[in-house]
Amino acid sequence: MTPAHPLSPPPGPRAPDPGDAGSSDAEVPLDGDGRPVPDLRRTSLRAAAEAAAGPSLLWVGAGVVVAVLVAVLVGTAAGAQVLAGVAAAGGAARALLPAAREPVAVSVRSRRFDAGVLLVAAVALLVLARSLPTVPGQPG
């Protein structure tokens, strides 16, 4: 017997046809261990709803708006520094807050990966903000 292609569906019950969404006799897809496979569309919609309902999306959005305002009113270097602060705050919150209170708006991958990416981005933004040339007579 030849092994199945690595991208072929697992043996067992078939996945429901999208046209069967309204029928009550649609089969539930099972993984190799016989457990039901989660509906990723429903899972991602639930995660989006949690992010929209949580305060973390509001905080991130407000931080970006403040960074843009500072960049326009004060200067690009100052705006980049504020944005670096927002990224650093998001990374610290993701790293330090317990799972029950974690910021859903910055929770994409694992806790370490998310915190690491945000903190590296914050440092990179600070370095870039410090290296921006200033134009005499303009804020910056």
N, C-alpha and C. Protein backbone atom coordinates (compact mmCIF):
# COMPACT_ATOMS: atom_id res chain seq x y z
N MET A 1 0.84 -1.18 0.00
CA MET A 1 0.00 0.00 0.00
C MET A 1 0.88 1.24 0.00
N THR A 2 0.60 2.17 -0.89
CA THR A 2 1.40 3.39 -0.98
C THR A 2 0.89 4.41 0.02
N PRO A 3 1.82 5.17 0.63
CA PRO A 3 1.37 6.18 1.60
C PRO A 3 0.60 7.29 0.90
N ALA A 4 -0.31 7.90 1.64
CA ALA A 4 -1.12 8.99 1.10
C ALA A 4 -0.24 10.22 0.89
N HIS A 5 -0.64 11.03 -0.04
CA HIS A 5 0.05 12.29 -0.29
C HIS A 5 -0.03 13.15 0.96
N PRO A 6 1.07 13.88 1.34
CA PRO A 6 1.04 14.65 2.58
C PRO A 6 -0.05 15.73 2.62
N LEU A 7 -0.51 16.19 1.48
CA LEU A 7 -1.54 17.23 1.48
C LEU A 7 -2.94 16.68 1.28
N SER A 8 -3.06 15.36 1.17
CA SER A 8 -4.38 14.79 0.97
C SER A 8 -5.14 14.80 2.30
N PRO A 9 -6.48 14.87 2.24
CA PRO A 9 -7.25 14.90 3.48
C PRO A 9 -7.08 13.60 4.24
N PRO A 10 -7.18 13.65 5.57
CA PRO A 10 -7.02 12.43 6.36
C PRO A 10 -8.16 11.46 6.08
N PRO A 11 -7.88 10.18 6.26
CA PRO A 11 -8.95 9.21 6.06
C PRO A 11 -10.02 9.39 7.13
N GLY A 12 -11.19 9.01 6.81
CA GLY A 12 -12.29 9.12 7.76
C GLY A 12 -13.44 9.89 7.16
N PRO A 13 -14.33 10.38 8.00
CA PRO A 13 -15.49 11.11 7.49
C PRO A 13 -15.07 12.34 6.71
N ARG A 14 -15.81 12.66 5.69
CA ARG A 14 -15.49 13.80 4.85
C ARG A 14 -15.92 15.11 5.52
N ALA A 15 -15.28 16.19 5.10
CA ALA A 15 -15.65 17.51 5.60
C ALA A 15 -16.99 17.89 4.98
N PRO A 16 -17.80 18.64 5.70
CA PRO A 16 -19.10 19.02 5.14
C PRO A 16 -18.95 19.95 3.95
N ASP A 17 -19.81 19.78 2.99
CA ASP A 17 -19.85 20.63 1.81
C ASP A 17 -20.42 21.98 2.22
N PRO A 18 -19.84 23.11 1.73
CA PRO A 18 -20.39 24.42 2.11
C PRO A 18 -21.87 24.54 1.78
N GLY A 19 -22.35 23.82 0.79
CA GLY A 19 -23.76 23.87 0.45
C GLY A 19 -24.63 23.16 1.46
N ASP A 20 -24.02 22.33 2.33
CA ASP A 20 -24.77 21.60 3.34
C ASP A 20 -24.91 22.37 4.64
N ALA A 21 -24.56 23.66 4.63
CA ALA A 21 -24.52 24.42 5.88
C ALA A 21 -25.86 24.42 6.61
N GLY A 22 -26.94 24.40 5.87
CA GLY A 22 -28.24 24.45 6.52
C GLY A 22 -28.80 23.08 6.86
N SER A 23 -28.20 22.01 6.35
CA SER A 23 -28.79 20.70 6.60
C SER A 23 -28.34 20.18 7.95
N SER A 24 -29.20 19.46 8.61
CA SER A 24 -28.92 18.98 9.95
C SER A 24 -28.14 17.68 9.93
N ASP A 25 -28.06 17.00 8.77
CA ASP A 25 -27.37 15.72 8.72
C ASP A 25 -25.95 15.85 8.19
N ALA A 26 -25.39 17.08 8.16
CA ALA A 26 -24.02 17.29 7.69
C ALA A 26 -23.06 16.63 8.68
N GLU A 27 -22.05 15.94 8.15
CA GLU A 27 -21.09 15.25 8.99
C GLU A 27 -20.07 16.25 9.53
N VAL A 28 -19.62 16.03 10.75
CA VAL A 28 -18.61 16.87 11.38
C VAL A 28 -17.26 16.29 11.00
N PRO A 29 -16.32 17.11 10.47
CA PRO A 29 -15.01 16.58 10.11
C PRO A 29 -14.24 16.17 11.37
N LEU A 30 -13.50 15.07 11.26
CA LEU A 30 -12.73 14.56 12.39
C LEU A 30 -11.25 14.55 12.01
N ASP A 31 -10.39 14.75 13.03
CA ASP A 31 -8.96 14.65 12.76
C ASP A 31 -8.52 13.20 12.83
N GLY A 32 -7.23 12.95 12.75
CA GLY A 32 -6.71 11.59 12.74
C GLY A 32 -7.00 10.82 14.01
N ASP A 33 -7.21 11.51 15.12
CA ASP A 33 -7.50 10.85 16.40
C ASP A 33 -8.99 10.72 16.66
N GLY A 34 -9.81 11.12 15.70
CA GLY A 34 -11.25 10.99 15.87
C GLY A 34 -11.91 12.15 16.59
N ARG A 35 -11.16 13.23 16.85
CA ARG A 35 -11.74 14.40 17.52
C ARG A 35 -12.28 15.35 16.46
N PRO A 36 -13.33 16.09 16.77
CA PRO A 36 -13.87 17.05 15.80
C PRO A 36 -12.87 18.15 15.49
N VAL A 37 -12.76 18.52 14.23
CA VAL A 37 -11.88 19.60 13.80
C VAL A 37 -12.63 20.92 14.00
N PRO A 38 -12.01 21.91 14.67
CA PRO A 38 -12.71 23.18 14.90
C PRO A 38 -12.94 23.92 13.58
N ASP A 39 -14.05 24.60 13.50
CA ASP A 39 -14.36 25.42 12.34
C ASP A 39 -13.56 26.70 12.45
N LEU A 40 -12.53 26.85 11.61
CA LEU A 40 -11.62 28.00 11.72
C LEU A 40 -12.32 29.32 11.44
N ARG A 41 -13.34 29.29 10.58
CA ARG A 41 -14.06 30.54 10.33
C ARG A 41 -14.74 31.01 11.61
N ARG A 42 -15.36 30.11 12.33
CA ARG A 42 -16.04 30.49 13.56
C ARG A 42 -15.03 30.90 14.62
N THR A 43 -13.89 30.20 14.69
CA THR A 43 -12.86 30.52 15.67
C THR A 43 -12.28 31.91 15.41
N SER A 44 -11.97 32.22 14.14
CA SER A 44 -11.39 33.53 13.85
C SER A 44 -12.41 34.64 14.06
N LEU A 45 -13.68 34.38 13.77
CA LEU A 45 -14.70 35.39 14.04
C LEU A 45 -14.85 35.63 15.53
N ARG A 46 -14.73 34.57 16.33
CA ARG A 46 -14.81 34.72 17.79
C ARG A 46 -13.63 35.53 18.29
N ALA A 47 -12.43 35.28 17.77
CA ALA A 47 -11.24 36.04 18.19
C ALA A 47 -11.38 37.50 17.79
N ALA A 48 -11.91 37.77 16.60
CA ALA A 48 -12.11 39.15 16.17
C ALA A 48 -13.12 39.86 17.05
N ALA A 49 -14.18 39.15 17.44
CA ALA A 49 -15.18 39.75 18.32
C ALA A 49 -14.60 40.04 19.69
N GLU A 50 -13.75 39.13 20.20
CA GLU A 50 -13.12 39.37 21.49
C GLU A 50 -12.18 40.57 21.42
N ALA A 51 -11.44 40.70 20.32
CA ALA A 51 -10.53 41.83 20.17
C ALA A 51 -11.29 43.14 20.09
N ALA A 52 -12.40 43.12 19.37
CA ALA A 52 -13.20 44.35 19.23
C ALA A 52 -13.87 44.72 20.54
N ALA A 53 -14.24 43.71 21.33
CA ALA A 53 -14.94 43.99 22.59
C ALA A 53 -13.98 44.38 23.71
N GLY A 54 -12.73 43.98 23.61
CA GLY A 54 -11.77 44.24 24.68
C GLY A 54 -11.20 45.64 24.61
N PRO A 55 -10.69 46.14 25.73
CA PRO A 55 -10.14 47.49 25.75
C PRO A 55 -8.78 47.60 25.07
N SER A 56 -8.11 46.48 24.81
CA SER A 56 -6.77 46.57 24.23
C SER A 56 -6.78 47.16 22.83
N LEU A 57 -7.80 46.88 22.05
CA LEU A 57 -7.88 47.45 20.71
C LEU A 57 -8.05 48.97 20.78
N LEU A 58 -8.82 49.42 21.76
CA LEU A 58 -9.00 50.86 21.96
C LEU A 58 -7.68 51.52 22.37
N TRP A 59 -6.92 50.87 23.26
CA TRP A 59 -5.65 51.43 23.70
C TRP A 59 -4.65 51.49 22.56
N VAL A 60 -4.57 50.43 21.76
CA VAL A 60 -3.63 50.42 20.64
C VAL A 60 -4.02 51.49 19.62
N GLY A 61 -5.30 51.56 19.31
CA GLY A 61 -5.77 52.56 18.36
C GLY A 61 -5.51 53.98 18.85
N ALA A 62 -5.77 54.22 20.13
CA ALA A 62 -5.53 55.54 20.70
C ALA A 62 -4.03 55.88 20.67
N GLY A 63 -3.19 54.90 20.95
CA GLY A 63 -1.75 55.13 20.90
C GLY A 63 -1.26 55.49 19.51
N VAL A 64 -1.81 54.82 18.50
CA VAL A 64 -1.41 55.13 17.13
C VAL A 64 -1.89 56.53 16.74
N VAL A 65 -3.11 56.88 17.14
CA VAL A 65 -3.64 58.22 16.84
C VAL A 65 -2.78 59.29 17.52
N VAL A 66 -2.42 59.08 18.76
CA VAL A 66 -1.57 60.04 19.48
C VAL A 66 -0.21 60.14 18.79
N ALA A 67 0.36 59.02 18.36
CA ALA A 67 1.66 59.05 17.68
C ALA A 67 1.58 59.83 16.38
N VAL A 68 0.50 59.66 15.64
CA VAL A 68 0.34 60.41 14.39
C VAL A 68 0.19 61.91 14.68
N LEU A 69 -0.61 62.25 15.68
CA LEU A 69 -0.79 63.66 16.05
C LEU A 69 0.53 64.29 16.48
N VAL A 70 1.30 63.56 17.28
CA VAL A 70 2.61 64.08 17.71
C VAL A 70 3.53 64.25 16.51
N ALA A 71 3.49 63.30 15.57
CA ALA A 71 4.34 63.41 14.38
C ALA A 71 3.97 64.62 13.55
N VAL A 72 2.68 64.94 13.46
CA VAL A 72 2.24 66.08 12.66
C VAL A 72 2.50 67.40 13.39
N LEU A 73 2.22 67.43 14.69
CA LEU A 73 2.31 68.68 15.43
C LEU A 73 3.70 68.99 15.97
N VAL A 74 4.45 67.96 16.33
CA VAL A 74 5.76 68.18 16.96
C VAL A 74 6.89 67.84 15.99
N GLY A 75 6.82 66.67 15.39
CA GLY A 75 7.87 66.25 14.47
C GLY A 75 7.86 64.74 14.30
N THR A 76 8.46 64.30 13.21
CA THR A 76 8.43 62.87 12.90
C THR A 76 9.22 62.05 13.91
N ALA A 77 10.33 62.57 14.37
CA ALA A 77 11.12 61.83 15.35
C ALA A 77 10.34 61.63 16.65
N ALA A 78 9.66 62.67 17.09
CA ALA A 78 8.86 62.56 18.31
C ALA A 78 7.70 61.59 18.10
N GLY A 79 7.06 61.64 16.94
CA GLY A 79 5.97 60.71 16.65
C GLY A 79 6.45 59.27 16.62
N ALA A 80 7.64 59.04 16.05
CA ALA A 80 8.20 57.69 16.02
C ALA A 80 8.54 57.22 17.43
N GLN A 81 8.99 58.13 18.27
CA GLN A 81 9.28 57.75 19.65
C GLN A 81 8.01 57.39 20.42
N VAL A 82 6.93 58.11 20.17
CA VAL A 82 5.65 57.77 20.81
C VAL A 82 5.17 56.41 20.31
N LEU A 83 5.30 56.16 19.01
CA LEU A 83 4.90 54.87 18.46
C LEU A 83 5.76 53.74 19.04
N ALA A 84 7.04 54.01 19.26
CA ALA A 84 7.91 53.02 19.91
C ALA A 84 7.43 52.74 21.33
N GLY A 85 6.99 53.79 22.02
CA GLY A 85 6.44 53.59 23.36
C GLY A 85 5.18 52.76 23.35
N VAL A 86 4.33 52.96 22.35
CA VAL A 86 3.11 52.16 22.23
C VAL A 86 3.47 50.69 21.99
N ALA A 87 4.45 50.44 21.10
CA ALA A 87 4.88 49.07 20.83
C ALA A 87 5.50 48.44 22.08
N ALA A 88 6.31 49.20 22.79
CA ALA A 88 6.94 48.68 24.01
C ALA A 88 5.88 48.37 25.08
N ALA A 89 4.89 49.24 25.20
CA ALA A 89 3.83 49.00 26.18
C ALA A 89 3.03 47.74 25.81
N GLY A 90 2.76 47.57 24.52
CA GLY A 90 2.06 46.37 24.07
C GLY A 90 2.87 45.12 24.33
N GLY A 91 4.18 45.19 24.06
CA GLY A 91 5.05 44.03 24.32
C GLY A 91 5.13 43.71 25.80
N ALA A 92 5.24 44.74 26.63
CA ALA A 92 5.29 44.50 28.07
C ALA A 92 3.97 43.94 28.59
N ALA A 93 2.87 44.46 28.08
CA ALA A 93 1.56 43.95 28.51
C ALA A 93 1.39 42.50 28.09
N ARG A 94 1.81 42.19 26.87
CA ARG A 94 1.67 40.81 26.38
C ARG A 94 2.55 39.87 27.18
N ALA A 95 3.74 40.33 27.58
CA ALA A 95 4.67 39.47 28.32
C ALA A 95 4.28 39.31 29.78
N LEU A 96 3.72 40.34 30.40
CA LEU A 96 3.56 40.34 31.85
C LEU A 96 2.15 40.07 32.36
N LEU A 97 1.13 40.40 31.58
CA LEU A 97 -0.23 40.22 32.08
C LEU A 97 -0.63 38.75 32.07
N PRO A 98 -1.43 38.32 33.05
CA PRO A 98 -1.89 36.93 33.06
C PRO A 98 -2.81 36.64 31.89
N ALA A 99 -2.98 35.37 31.57
CA ALA A 99 -3.76 34.96 30.40
C ALA A 99 -5.18 35.50 30.44
N ALA A 100 -5.76 35.62 31.61
CA ALA A 100 -7.14 36.10 31.70
C ALA A 100 -7.26 37.58 31.33
N ARG A 101 -6.17 38.33 31.45
CA ARG A 101 -6.21 39.76 31.16
C ARG A 101 -5.32 40.16 30.00
N GLU A 102 -4.85 39.19 29.21
CA GLU A 102 -3.91 39.52 28.14
C GLU A 102 -4.57 40.40 27.10
N PRO A 103 -3.80 41.28 26.49
CA PRO A 103 -4.35 42.18 25.47
C PRO A 103 -4.63 41.41 24.17
N VAL A 104 -5.88 41.22 23.85
CA VAL A 104 -6.26 40.42 22.69
C VAL A 104 -5.81 41.09 21.40
N ALA A 105 -5.74 42.41 21.37
CA ALA A 105 -5.38 43.13 20.15
C ALA A 105 -3.94 42.86 19.72
N VAL A 106 -3.07 42.47 20.62
CA VAL A 106 -1.68 42.17 20.27
C VAL A 106 -1.35 40.70 20.49
N SER A 107 -2.35 39.86 20.65
CA SER A 107 -2.15 38.42 20.84
C SER A 107 -2.35 37.72 19.51
N VAL A 108 -1.25 37.40 18.85
CA VAL A 108 -1.33 36.77 17.53
C VAL A 108 -0.77 35.37 17.59
N ARG A 109 0.43 35.23 18.08
CA ARG A 109 1.12 33.94 18.15
C ARG A 109 1.30 33.58 19.62
N SER A 110 2.43 33.00 19.94
CA SER A 110 2.70 32.66 21.33
C SER A 110 3.05 33.93 22.11
N ARG A 111 2.96 33.84 23.41
CA ARG A 111 3.24 35.00 24.26
C ARG A 111 4.66 35.52 24.04
N ARG A 112 5.65 34.62 24.02
CA ARG A 112 7.04 35.04 23.83
C ARG A 112 7.24 35.69 22.46
N PHE A 113 6.67 35.08 21.43
CA PHE A 113 6.86 35.61 20.08
C PHE A 113 6.24 37.00 19.96
N ASP A 114 5.01 37.16 20.42
CA ASP A 114 4.34 38.46 20.34
C ASP A 114 5.12 39.53 21.10
N ALA A 115 5.50 39.22 22.33
CA ALA A 115 6.23 40.20 23.15
C ALA A 115 7.57 40.52 22.51
N GLY A 116 8.25 39.51 22.00
CA GLY A 116 9.55 39.73 21.37
C GLY A 116 9.45 40.61 20.13
N VAL A 117 8.46 40.34 19.28
CA VAL A 117 8.29 41.14 18.06
C VAL A 117 7.98 42.59 18.42
N LEU A 118 7.09 42.80 19.38
CA LEU A 118 6.73 44.16 19.76
C LEU A 118 7.91 44.91 20.39
N LEU A 119 8.68 44.23 21.22
CA LEU A 119 9.82 44.90 21.86
C LEU A 119 10.94 45.17 20.86
N VAL A 120 11.18 44.26 19.93
CA VAL A 120 12.18 44.51 18.89
C VAL A 120 11.73 45.66 18.00
N ALA A 121 10.44 45.70 17.67
CA ALA A 121 9.90 46.81 16.88
C ALA A 121 10.07 48.13 17.61
N ALA A 122 9.85 48.13 18.91
CA ALA A 122 10.01 49.36 19.69
C ALA A 122 11.46 49.85 19.65
N VAL A 123 12.41 48.94 19.82
CA VAL A 123 13.82 49.33 19.78
C VAL A 123 14.19 49.82 18.38
N ALA A 124 13.71 49.13 17.35
CA ALA A 124 14.00 49.54 15.97
C ALA A 124 13.43 50.92 15.69
N LEU A 125 12.22 51.20 16.15
CA LEU A 125 11.62 52.52 15.95
C LEU A 125 12.42 53.60 16.68
N LEU A 126 12.89 53.30 17.88
CA LEU A 126 13.70 54.28 18.61
C LEU A 126 15.01 54.56 17.88
N VAL A 127 15.65 53.51 17.37
CA VAL A 127 16.91 53.71 16.64
C VAL A 127 16.65 54.53 15.39
N LEU A 128 15.59 54.20 14.66
CA LEU A 128 15.28 54.96 13.44
C LEU A 128 14.90 56.40 13.76
N ALA A 129 14.16 56.61 14.86
CA ALA A 129 13.77 57.97 15.24
C ALA A 129 15.00 58.81 15.58
N ARG A 130 15.98 58.19 16.24
CA ARG A 130 17.21 58.92 16.60
C ARG A 130 18.05 59.24 15.37
N SER A 131 17.91 58.43 14.31
CA SER A 131 18.75 58.63 13.13
C SER A 131 18.10 59.54 12.09
N LEU A 132 16.86 60.01 12.33
CA LEU A 132 16.22 60.91 11.39
C LEU A 132 16.95 62.25 11.36
N PRO A 133 17.23 62.74 10.17
CA PRO A 133 17.89 64.05 10.10
C PRO A 133 16.90 65.15 10.47
N THR A 134 17.41 66.17 11.09
CA THR A 134 16.55 67.32 11.43
C THR A 134 16.81 68.43 10.42
N VAL A 135 15.74 69.10 10.05
CA VAL A 135 15.83 70.21 9.11
C VAL A 135 15.80 71.50 9.92
N PRO A 136 16.81 72.39 9.73
CA PRO A 136 16.81 73.63 10.50
C PRO A 136 15.54 74.44 10.25
N GLY A 137 14.96 74.92 11.33
CA GLY A 137 13.76 75.75 11.21
C GLY A 137 12.48 74.95 11.28
N GLN A 138 12.56 73.62 11.27
CA GLN A 138 11.36 72.80 11.38
C GLN A 138 11.46 71.96 12.64
N PRO A 139 10.30 71.68 13.27
CA PRO A 139 10.34 70.85 14.46
C PRO A 139 10.76 69.43 14.09
N GLY A 140 11.44 68.78 14.96
CA GLY A 140 11.78 67.47 14.54
C GLY A 140 12.56 66.67 15.44
